[in-house]
N, C-alpha and C. Protein backbone atom coordinates (compact mmCIF):
# COMPACT_ATOMS: atom_id res chain seq x y z
N MET A 1 19.67 -2.48 -11.42
CA MET A 1 18.50 -2.12 -10.65
C MET A 1 17.88 -0.87 -11.28
N GLU A 2 16.67 -1.01 -11.81
CA GLU A 2 15.98 0.10 -12.46
C GLU A 2 14.99 0.74 -11.47
N ILE A 3 15.35 1.91 -10.94
CA ILE A 3 14.51 2.63 -9.98
C ILE A 3 13.31 3.22 -10.71
N LEU A 4 12.14 3.10 -10.11
CA LEU A 4 10.92 3.65 -10.72
C LEU A 4 11.03 5.17 -10.77
N ASP A 5 10.72 5.74 -11.93
CA ASP A 5 10.85 7.19 -12.10
C ASP A 5 9.54 7.90 -11.83
N ARG A 6 9.59 9.22 -11.84
CA ARG A 6 8.43 10.04 -11.52
C ARG A 6 7.24 9.73 -12.44
N ALA A 7 7.50 9.51 -13.72
CA ALA A 7 6.42 9.25 -14.67
C ALA A 7 5.62 8.00 -14.27
N PHE A 8 6.26 7.02 -13.64
CA PHE A 8 5.56 5.82 -13.20
C PHE A 8 4.44 6.19 -12.21
N TYR A 9 4.74 7.11 -11.29
CA TYR A 9 3.81 7.46 -10.22
C TYR A 9 2.78 8.51 -10.61
N GLU A 10 3.08 9.28 -11.63
CA GLU A 10 2.18 10.38 -12.00
C GLU A 10 1.19 9.91 -13.06
N ARG A 11 0.42 8.92 -12.64
CA ARG A 11 -0.64 8.33 -13.46
C ARG A 11 -1.84 8.05 -12.55
N GLU A 12 -2.90 7.56 -13.12
CA GLU A 12 -4.10 7.27 -12.35
C GLU A 12 -3.77 6.31 -11.20
N THR A 13 -4.26 6.63 -10.02
CA THR A 13 -3.89 5.93 -8.79
C THR A 13 -4.12 4.42 -8.86
N ILE A 14 -5.25 4.00 -9.36
CA ILE A 14 -5.55 2.56 -9.40
C ILE A 14 -4.60 1.84 -10.35
N SER A 15 -4.26 2.45 -11.46
CA SER A 15 -3.29 1.84 -12.39
C SER A 15 -1.93 1.69 -11.74
N VAL A 16 -1.50 2.73 -11.03
CA VAL A 16 -0.21 2.66 -10.33
C VAL A 16 -0.25 1.54 -9.29
N ALA A 17 -1.34 1.46 -8.54
CA ALA A 17 -1.46 0.43 -7.50
C ALA A 17 -1.28 -0.96 -8.09
N LYS A 18 -1.98 -1.24 -9.18
CA LYS A 18 -1.88 -2.56 -9.82
C LYS A 18 -0.46 -2.85 -10.28
N GLU A 19 0.19 -1.83 -10.85
CA GLU A 19 1.53 -2.04 -11.39
C GLU A 19 2.63 -2.04 -10.33
N LEU A 20 2.30 -1.63 -9.11
CA LEU A 20 3.26 -1.75 -8.01
C LEU A 20 3.41 -3.20 -7.56
N LEU A 21 2.39 -4.01 -7.80
CA LEU A 21 2.47 -5.42 -7.41
C LEU A 21 3.63 -6.09 -8.15
N GLY A 22 4.48 -6.75 -7.39
CA GLY A 22 5.65 -7.42 -7.96
C GLY A 22 6.90 -6.57 -7.96
N LYS A 23 6.75 -5.26 -7.78
CA LYS A 23 7.94 -4.38 -7.72
C LYS A 23 8.64 -4.60 -6.39
N HIS A 24 9.89 -4.18 -6.30
CA HIS A 24 10.66 -4.33 -5.07
C HIS A 24 10.73 -3.01 -4.31
N LEU A 25 10.51 -3.09 -3.01
CA LEU A 25 10.72 -1.98 -2.10
C LEU A 25 12.07 -2.20 -1.44
N VAL A 26 12.94 -1.20 -1.54
CA VAL A 26 14.29 -1.31 -0.99
C VAL A 26 14.47 -0.27 0.10
N ARG A 27 15.00 -0.70 1.25
CA ARG A 27 15.31 0.19 2.37
C ARG A 27 16.78 0.02 2.67
N ARG A 28 17.53 1.11 2.51
CA ARG A 28 18.97 1.09 2.80
C ARG A 28 19.22 1.67 4.18
N THR A 29 20.02 0.95 4.97
CA THR A 29 20.39 1.42 6.31
C THR A 29 21.88 1.20 6.51
N ARG A 30 22.41 1.75 7.58
CA ARG A 30 23.82 1.54 7.91
C ARG A 30 24.10 0.08 8.24
N LYS A 31 23.09 -0.62 8.74
CA LYS A 31 23.24 -2.03 9.08
C LYS A 31 23.13 -2.95 7.87
N GLY A 32 22.58 -2.43 6.76
CA GLY A 32 22.42 -3.24 5.55
C GLY A 32 21.15 -2.90 4.82
N ASP A 33 21.02 -3.46 3.64
CA ASP A 33 19.84 -3.24 2.81
C ASP A 33 18.80 -4.31 3.07
N MET A 34 17.53 -3.90 2.94
CA MET A 34 16.41 -4.83 3.05
C MET A 34 15.56 -4.65 1.80
N THR A 35 15.07 -5.76 1.27
CA THR A 35 14.26 -5.72 0.06
C THR A 35 13.06 -6.64 0.23
N GLY A 36 11.90 -6.16 -0.23
CA GLY A 36 10.70 -6.98 -0.23
C GLY A 36 9.93 -6.78 -1.52
N ARG A 37 9.31 -7.85 -1.99
CA ARG A 37 8.44 -7.79 -3.17
C ARG A 37 7.05 -7.36 -2.72
N ILE A 38 6.48 -6.36 -3.36
CA ILE A 38 5.16 -5.88 -3.01
C ILE A 38 4.12 -6.89 -3.47
N VAL A 39 3.31 -7.37 -2.52
CA VAL A 39 2.31 -8.40 -2.84
C VAL A 39 0.88 -7.96 -2.51
N GLU A 40 0.72 -6.84 -1.81
CA GLU A 40 -0.63 -6.35 -1.51
C GLU A 40 -0.60 -4.84 -1.38
N VAL A 41 -1.54 -4.19 -2.05
CA VAL A 41 -1.63 -2.72 -2.04
C VAL A 41 -3.10 -2.32 -1.90
N GLU A 42 -3.31 -1.05 -1.60
CA GLU A 42 -4.66 -0.49 -1.55
C GLU A 42 -4.59 0.94 -2.06
N ALA A 43 -5.39 1.24 -3.07
CA ALA A 43 -5.40 2.57 -3.69
C ALA A 43 -6.39 3.49 -2.97
N TYR A 44 -5.99 4.74 -2.79
CA TYR A 44 -6.85 5.77 -2.20
C TYR A 44 -6.84 6.99 -3.10
N ARG A 45 -8.02 7.37 -3.56
CA ARG A 45 -8.16 8.56 -4.40
C ARG A 45 -8.69 9.71 -3.56
N GLY A 46 -9.12 10.76 -4.19
CA GLY A 46 -9.55 11.97 -3.49
C GLY A 46 -11.03 12.06 -3.22
N SER A 47 -11.68 13.02 -3.84
CA SER A 47 -13.05 13.37 -3.50
C SER A 47 -14.08 12.29 -3.83
N ASP A 48 -13.72 11.27 -4.60
CA ASP A 48 -14.66 10.19 -4.92
C ASP A 48 -14.41 8.94 -4.08
N ASP A 49 -13.56 9.04 -3.06
CA ASP A 49 -13.18 7.87 -2.25
C ASP A 49 -13.33 8.20 -0.77
N PRO A 50 -14.48 7.89 -0.16
CA PRO A 50 -14.72 8.24 1.24
C PRO A 50 -13.71 7.64 2.23
N ALA A 51 -13.00 6.58 1.86
CA ALA A 51 -12.00 5.97 2.75
C ALA A 51 -10.67 6.71 2.70
N SER A 52 -10.51 7.62 1.76
CA SER A 52 -9.25 8.33 1.57
C SER A 52 -9.09 9.48 2.56
N HIS A 53 -7.86 9.67 3.03
CA HIS A 53 -7.56 10.83 3.88
C HIS A 53 -7.80 12.14 3.13
N ALA A 54 -7.80 12.10 1.82
CA ALA A 54 -7.97 13.30 1.00
C ALA A 54 -9.43 13.59 0.67
N TYR A 55 -10.33 12.78 1.13
CA TYR A 55 -11.75 12.90 0.76
C TYR A 55 -12.34 14.27 1.11
N HIS A 56 -11.96 14.81 2.28
CA HIS A 56 -12.52 16.08 2.74
C HIS A 56 -11.63 17.28 2.41
N GLY A 57 -10.63 17.08 1.59
CA GLY A 57 -9.76 18.19 1.20
C GLY A 57 -8.38 18.12 1.82
N LYS A 58 -7.58 19.09 1.51
CA LYS A 58 -6.18 19.15 1.91
C LYS A 58 -6.03 19.53 3.38
N THR A 59 -5.18 18.77 4.09
CA THR A 59 -4.89 19.04 5.51
C THR A 59 -3.39 18.88 5.74
N ASP A 60 -2.97 19.17 6.96
CA ASP A 60 -1.56 18.98 7.32
C ASP A 60 -1.15 17.51 7.24
N ARG A 61 -2.08 16.60 7.42
CA ARG A 61 -1.77 15.17 7.41
C ARG A 61 -1.71 14.60 5.99
N ASN A 62 -2.52 15.13 5.06
CA ASN A 62 -2.63 14.51 3.74
C ASN A 62 -2.06 15.35 2.60
N TYR A 63 -1.42 16.47 2.89
CA TYR A 63 -0.98 17.40 1.85
C TYR A 63 -0.13 16.73 0.77
N LEU A 64 0.61 15.70 1.11
CA LEU A 64 1.46 15.03 0.11
C LEU A 64 0.62 14.38 -0.99
N MET A 65 -0.58 13.95 -0.66
CA MET A 65 -1.44 13.32 -1.66
C MET A 65 -1.88 14.31 -2.75
N PHE A 66 -1.73 15.59 -2.48
CA PHE A 66 -2.12 16.63 -3.43
C PHE A 66 -0.92 17.11 -4.26
N GLY A 67 0.26 16.59 -3.94
CA GLY A 67 1.48 17.00 -4.65
C GLY A 67 1.84 16.04 -5.76
N ARG A 68 3.08 16.01 -6.10
CA ARG A 68 3.56 15.15 -7.18
C ARG A 68 3.58 13.68 -6.76
N GLY A 69 3.55 12.82 -7.74
CA GLY A 69 3.63 11.39 -7.48
C GLY A 69 5.07 10.98 -7.18
N GLY A 70 5.21 9.89 -6.44
CA GLY A 70 6.53 9.33 -6.17
C GLY A 70 7.15 9.74 -4.83
N TYR A 71 6.31 10.16 -3.90
CA TYR A 71 6.81 10.55 -2.58
C TYR A 71 6.25 9.61 -1.51
N ALA A 72 7.04 9.38 -0.47
CA ALA A 72 6.60 8.57 0.66
C ALA A 72 5.63 9.39 1.50
N CYS A 73 4.55 8.76 1.86
CA CYS A 73 3.55 9.37 2.74
C CYS A 73 3.40 8.42 3.92
N VAL A 74 4.05 8.74 5.03
CA VAL A 74 4.11 7.85 6.19
C VAL A 74 3.36 8.52 7.35
N TYR A 75 2.45 7.77 7.96
CA TYR A 75 1.72 8.33 9.09
C TYR A 75 1.55 7.26 10.17
N PHE A 76 1.28 7.72 11.37
CA PHE A 76 1.14 6.87 12.55
C PHE A 76 -0.35 6.63 12.80
N ILE A 77 -0.73 5.37 13.01
CA ILE A 77 -2.13 5.06 13.29
C ILE A 77 -2.27 4.25 14.58
N TYR A 78 -3.43 4.36 15.19
CA TYR A 78 -3.78 3.60 16.39
C TYR A 78 -2.74 3.74 17.50
N SER A 79 -1.98 4.84 17.49
CA SER A 79 -0.93 5.08 18.48
C SER A 79 0.04 3.92 18.57
N ASN A 80 0.22 3.20 17.44
CA ASN A 80 1.00 1.98 17.50
C ASN A 80 1.81 1.67 16.25
N HIS A 81 1.30 1.98 15.05
CA HIS A 81 1.92 1.54 13.80
C HIS A 81 2.10 2.68 12.81
N TYR A 82 3.14 2.55 12.01
CA TYR A 82 3.30 3.44 10.86
C TYR A 82 2.71 2.74 9.64
N CYS A 83 2.16 3.53 8.73
CA CYS A 83 1.71 3.04 7.44
C CYS A 83 2.51 3.76 6.36
N PHE A 84 2.92 3.01 5.34
CA PHE A 84 3.71 3.55 4.25
C PHE A 84 2.87 3.60 2.99
N ASN A 85 2.66 4.81 2.50
CA ASN A 85 1.93 5.05 1.27
C ASN A 85 2.86 5.71 0.27
N ILE A 86 2.50 5.61 -0.99
CA ILE A 86 3.25 6.26 -2.06
C ILE A 86 2.28 7.16 -2.81
N THR A 87 2.63 8.44 -2.97
CA THR A 87 1.76 9.32 -3.71
C THR A 87 1.72 8.88 -5.17
N ALA A 88 0.50 8.84 -5.70
CA ALA A 88 0.28 8.38 -7.08
C ALA A 88 -0.95 9.09 -7.60
N ARG A 89 -0.75 9.97 -8.56
CA ARG A 89 -1.89 10.76 -9.02
C ARG A 89 -1.60 11.38 -10.37
N VAL A 90 -2.70 11.81 -11.00
CA VAL A 90 -2.59 12.54 -12.26
C VAL A 90 -3.61 13.68 -12.20
N GLY A 91 -3.26 14.82 -12.76
CA GLY A 91 -4.18 15.96 -12.76
C GLY A 91 -4.41 16.50 -11.38
N ASP A 92 -5.65 16.91 -11.11
CA ASP A 92 -5.98 17.54 -9.83
C ASP A 92 -6.49 16.57 -8.77
N ASN A 93 -6.65 15.30 -9.11
CA ASN A 93 -7.20 14.35 -8.16
C ASN A 93 -6.10 13.78 -7.27
N PRO A 94 -6.14 14.05 -5.95
CA PRO A 94 -5.11 13.52 -5.05
C PRO A 94 -5.17 12.00 -4.99
N GLY A 95 -4.05 11.38 -4.65
CA GLY A 95 -4.05 9.93 -4.53
C GLY A 95 -2.80 9.39 -3.89
N ALA A 96 -2.93 8.19 -3.35
CA ALA A 96 -1.80 7.48 -2.76
C ALA A 96 -2.13 5.99 -2.74
N VAL A 97 -1.08 5.19 -2.66
CA VAL A 97 -1.23 3.74 -2.61
C VAL A 97 -0.59 3.25 -1.31
N LEU A 98 -1.39 2.60 -0.49
CA LEU A 98 -0.90 1.99 0.75
C LEU A 98 -0.23 0.67 0.40
N ILE A 99 0.99 0.49 0.87
CA ILE A 99 1.67 -0.80 0.71
C ILE A 99 1.25 -1.65 1.90
N ARG A 100 0.48 -2.69 1.64
CA ARG A 100 -0.12 -3.50 2.70
C ARG A 100 0.72 -4.71 3.10
N ALA A 101 1.47 -5.29 2.16
CA ALA A 101 2.25 -6.49 2.49
C ALA A 101 3.38 -6.68 1.50
N LEU A 102 4.45 -7.30 2.00
CA LEU A 102 5.65 -7.61 1.20
C LEU A 102 6.00 -9.08 1.36
N GLU A 103 6.67 -9.60 0.36
CA GLU A 103 7.33 -10.89 0.48
C GLU A 103 8.81 -10.57 0.72
N PRO A 104 9.37 -10.93 1.88
CA PRO A 104 10.78 -10.63 2.15
C PRO A 104 11.69 -11.29 1.12
N ILE A 105 12.66 -10.52 0.60
CA ILE A 105 13.58 -11.02 -0.42
C ILE A 105 15.02 -11.03 0.08
N ALA A 106 15.46 -9.91 0.65
CA ALA A 106 16.86 -9.78 1.09
C ALA A 106 16.90 -8.95 2.38
N GLY A 107 17.94 -9.19 3.17
CA GLY A 107 18.06 -8.50 4.45
C GLY A 107 17.06 -9.03 5.47
N ILE A 108 16.71 -10.29 5.29
CA ILE A 108 15.66 -10.90 6.12
C ILE A 108 16.05 -10.92 7.60
N GLU A 109 17.32 -11.23 7.89
CA GLU A 109 17.74 -11.27 9.30
C GLU A 109 17.61 -9.91 9.96
N LEU A 110 17.90 -8.86 9.22
CA LEU A 110 17.76 -7.50 9.75
C LEU A 110 16.28 -7.18 9.98
N MET A 111 15.42 -7.59 9.05
CA MET A 111 13.97 -7.40 9.24
C MET A 111 13.49 -8.15 10.48
N GLN A 112 13.96 -9.37 10.64
CA GLN A 112 13.56 -10.18 11.80
C GLN A 112 14.02 -9.53 13.10
N ALA A 113 15.22 -8.98 13.10
CA ALA A 113 15.73 -8.30 14.29
C ALA A 113 14.90 -7.04 14.59
N ASN A 114 14.54 -6.32 13.56
CA ASN A 114 13.73 -5.11 13.76
C ASN A 114 12.36 -5.42 14.35
N ARG A 115 11.78 -6.57 13.96
CA ARG A 115 10.44 -6.95 14.43
C ARG A 115 10.48 -7.89 15.62
N HIS A 116 11.63 -8.46 15.93
CA HIS A 116 11.76 -9.43 17.01
C HIS A 116 10.90 -10.67 16.77
N VAL A 117 10.85 -11.10 15.49
CA VAL A 117 10.15 -12.34 15.12
C VAL A 117 11.02 -13.10 14.13
N THR A 118 10.81 -14.40 14.05
CA THR A 118 11.57 -15.21 13.10
C THR A 118 10.69 -15.79 12.00
N ASP A 119 9.38 -15.89 12.24
CA ASP A 119 8.46 -16.49 11.28
C ASP A 119 8.36 -15.62 10.02
N LEU A 120 8.77 -16.17 8.86
CA LEU A 120 8.76 -15.42 7.61
C LEU A 120 7.35 -15.05 7.15
N LYS A 121 6.37 -15.93 7.40
CA LYS A 121 5.00 -15.66 6.94
C LYS A 121 4.41 -14.42 7.60
N SER A 122 4.74 -14.18 8.84
CA SER A 122 4.16 -13.04 9.55
C SER A 122 5.11 -11.85 9.64
N LEU A 123 6.24 -11.92 8.97
CA LEU A 123 7.25 -10.86 9.08
C LEU A 123 6.79 -9.54 8.48
N THR A 124 6.21 -9.57 7.30
CA THR A 124 5.83 -8.34 6.59
C THR A 124 4.44 -8.45 5.98
N ASN A 125 3.55 -9.20 6.61
CA ASN A 125 2.22 -9.44 6.04
C ASN A 125 1.16 -8.49 6.58
N GLY A 126 1.51 -7.25 6.73
CA GLY A 126 0.57 -6.21 7.16
C GLY A 126 1.27 -4.87 7.11
N PRO A 127 0.51 -3.78 6.99
CA PRO A 127 1.13 -2.46 6.85
C PRO A 127 2.04 -2.08 8.01
N GLY A 128 1.60 -2.33 9.24
CA GLY A 128 2.43 -2.01 10.41
C GLY A 128 3.61 -2.95 10.56
N LYS A 129 3.43 -4.20 10.19
CA LYS A 129 4.51 -5.18 10.28
C LYS A 129 5.63 -4.85 9.30
N LEU A 130 5.27 -4.48 8.08
CA LEU A 130 6.32 -4.22 7.09
C LEU A 130 7.09 -2.94 7.42
N THR A 131 6.41 -1.91 7.96
CA THR A 131 7.14 -0.69 8.31
C THR A 131 8.08 -0.94 9.49
N LYS A 132 7.64 -1.74 10.44
CA LYS A 132 8.52 -2.07 11.57
C LYS A 132 9.71 -2.92 11.10
N ALA A 133 9.44 -3.91 10.26
CA ALA A 133 10.50 -4.78 9.77
C ALA A 133 11.55 -3.99 8.98
N MET A 134 11.09 -3.02 8.19
CA MET A 134 12.02 -2.25 7.34
C MET A 134 12.42 -0.92 7.98
N ASN A 135 11.99 -0.70 9.22
CA ASN A 135 12.32 0.51 9.96
C ASN A 135 11.95 1.77 9.16
N ILE A 136 10.71 1.80 8.67
CA ILE A 136 10.16 2.96 7.99
C ILE A 136 9.35 3.73 9.02
N THR A 137 9.71 5.00 9.23
CA THR A 137 9.06 5.82 10.26
C THR A 137 8.65 7.18 9.69
N SER A 138 8.17 8.03 10.56
CA SER A 138 7.73 9.36 10.13
C SER A 138 8.88 10.19 9.56
N LYS A 139 10.11 9.83 9.85
CA LYS A 139 11.24 10.58 9.26
C LYS A 139 11.30 10.39 7.74
N HIS A 140 10.62 9.37 7.23
CA HIS A 140 10.59 9.12 5.79
C HIS A 140 9.42 9.83 5.10
N ASN A 141 8.54 10.44 5.88
CA ASN A 141 7.41 11.15 5.30
C ASN A 141 7.92 12.28 4.40
N GLY A 142 7.47 12.29 3.16
CA GLY A 142 7.88 13.32 2.21
C GLY A 142 9.14 12.98 1.42
N LEU A 143 9.72 11.82 1.68
CA LEU A 143 10.95 11.42 0.98
C LEU A 143 10.66 11.14 -0.49
N ASP A 144 11.50 11.66 -1.37
CA ASP A 144 11.36 11.44 -2.81
C ASP A 144 11.87 10.03 -3.13
N LEU A 145 10.97 9.16 -3.53
CA LEU A 145 11.30 7.76 -3.79
C LEU A 145 11.99 7.55 -5.13
N THR A 146 12.07 8.57 -5.96
CA THR A 146 12.68 8.43 -7.29
C THR A 146 14.18 8.68 -7.26
N LYS A 147 14.73 9.07 -6.13
CA LYS A 147 16.16 9.41 -6.04
C LYS A 147 17.05 8.20 -5.79
N GLY A 148 16.48 7.08 -5.34
CA GLY A 148 17.28 5.88 -5.12
C GLY A 148 18.20 5.97 -3.92
N GLU A 149 17.76 6.66 -2.89
CA GLU A 149 18.60 6.81 -1.71
C GLU A 149 18.25 5.79 -0.64
N GLU A 150 17.74 6.20 0.51
CA GLU A 150 17.52 5.23 1.58
C GLU A 150 16.21 4.45 1.48
N LEU A 151 15.29 4.90 0.64
CA LEU A 151 14.02 4.21 0.45
C LEU A 151 13.58 4.44 -0.98
N PHE A 152 13.34 3.35 -1.72
CA PHE A 152 12.93 3.49 -3.11
C PHE A 152 12.30 2.20 -3.61
N LEU A 153 11.71 2.28 -4.79
CA LEU A 153 11.11 1.12 -5.44
C LEU A 153 11.80 0.89 -6.77
N CYS A 154 11.90 -0.39 -7.15
CA CYS A 154 12.58 -0.71 -8.40
C CYS A 154 11.93 -1.92 -9.06
N GLU A 155 12.26 -2.08 -10.32
CA GLU A 155 11.82 -3.25 -11.06
C GLU A 155 12.56 -4.47 -10.50
N PRO A 156 11.88 -5.61 -10.42
CA PRO A 156 12.57 -6.82 -9.97
C PRO A 156 13.57 -7.29 -11.02
N ILE A 157 14.62 -7.92 -10.59
CA ILE A 157 15.61 -8.47 -11.51
C ILE A 157 15.01 -9.66 -12.25
N GLU A 158 14.31 -10.51 -11.52
CA GLU A 158 13.67 -11.67 -12.12
C GLU A 158 12.21 -11.33 -12.40
N ASN A 159 11.63 -12.00 -13.35
CA ASN A 159 10.24 -11.73 -13.73
C ASN A 159 9.36 -12.83 -13.16
N HIS A 160 8.57 -12.51 -12.12
CA HIS A 160 7.64 -13.47 -11.52
C HIS A 160 6.28 -13.33 -12.16
N ARG A 161 5.67 -14.44 -12.47
CA ARG A 161 4.31 -14.43 -13.00
C ARG A 161 3.36 -14.59 -11.83
N PHE A 162 2.32 -13.78 -11.83
CA PHE A 162 1.34 -13.88 -10.78
C PHE A 162 0.00 -13.35 -11.29
N GLU A 163 -1.03 -13.70 -10.57
CA GLU A 163 -2.38 -13.24 -10.92
C GLU A 163 -2.78 -12.16 -9.92
N ILE A 164 -3.34 -11.08 -10.40
CA ILE A 164 -3.83 -10.02 -9.53
C ILE A 164 -5.27 -10.33 -9.14
N VAL A 165 -5.52 -10.29 -7.84
CA VAL A 165 -6.86 -10.48 -7.32
C VAL A 165 -7.30 -9.15 -6.74
N SER A 166 -8.43 -8.65 -7.19
CA SER A 166 -8.95 -7.38 -6.72
C SER A 166 -10.20 -7.63 -5.88
N THR A 167 -10.23 -7.05 -4.68
CA THR A 167 -11.39 -7.21 -3.82
C THR A 167 -11.92 -5.85 -3.44
N LYS A 168 -13.15 -5.83 -2.98
CA LYS A 168 -13.77 -4.60 -2.52
C LYS A 168 -13.20 -4.25 -1.15
N ARG A 169 -12.99 -2.97 -0.91
CA ARG A 169 -12.47 -2.52 0.37
C ARG A 169 -13.47 -2.84 1.46
N MET A 170 -12.97 -3.28 2.59
CA MET A 170 -13.83 -3.58 3.74
C MET A 170 -14.37 -2.27 4.29
N GLU A 171 -15.63 -2.25 4.62
CA GLU A 171 -16.27 -1.03 5.16
C GLU A 171 -16.17 -1.03 6.67
């Protein structure tokens, strides 16, 4: 298992986002490990991206986007869901990549128990669904993903071929 290193994340945000597709997200817990293949992402840059939390500058909520690449940036939205982002940036431009959807690979029963659903198609097909399935919460905010501990990303063992489809962000 080759864990993604800091150099992977400390590059231009959009490039990192594209290259995260197909990588594995691993969550280690006392109950067992869970793994999902990243199948949908969304890149957020700084001052040139009005949809980004970093657009108006550094705050208590977005400060991680201004730091080094390779850290978990987890926040609560709509008083209901956590979103899992990964800091990804180069130079002075803040950035992060939202992990929007996963294909469940391993630890599926544990994910299903965490979400109280059995349907595989809807298990991790949204940002809030995947964080609930993998039990990713605000306690993971600021976690260094390059250490290979309880939450990290790695190269897949098998090489899947796929086509990347890029769409415009919904306004």
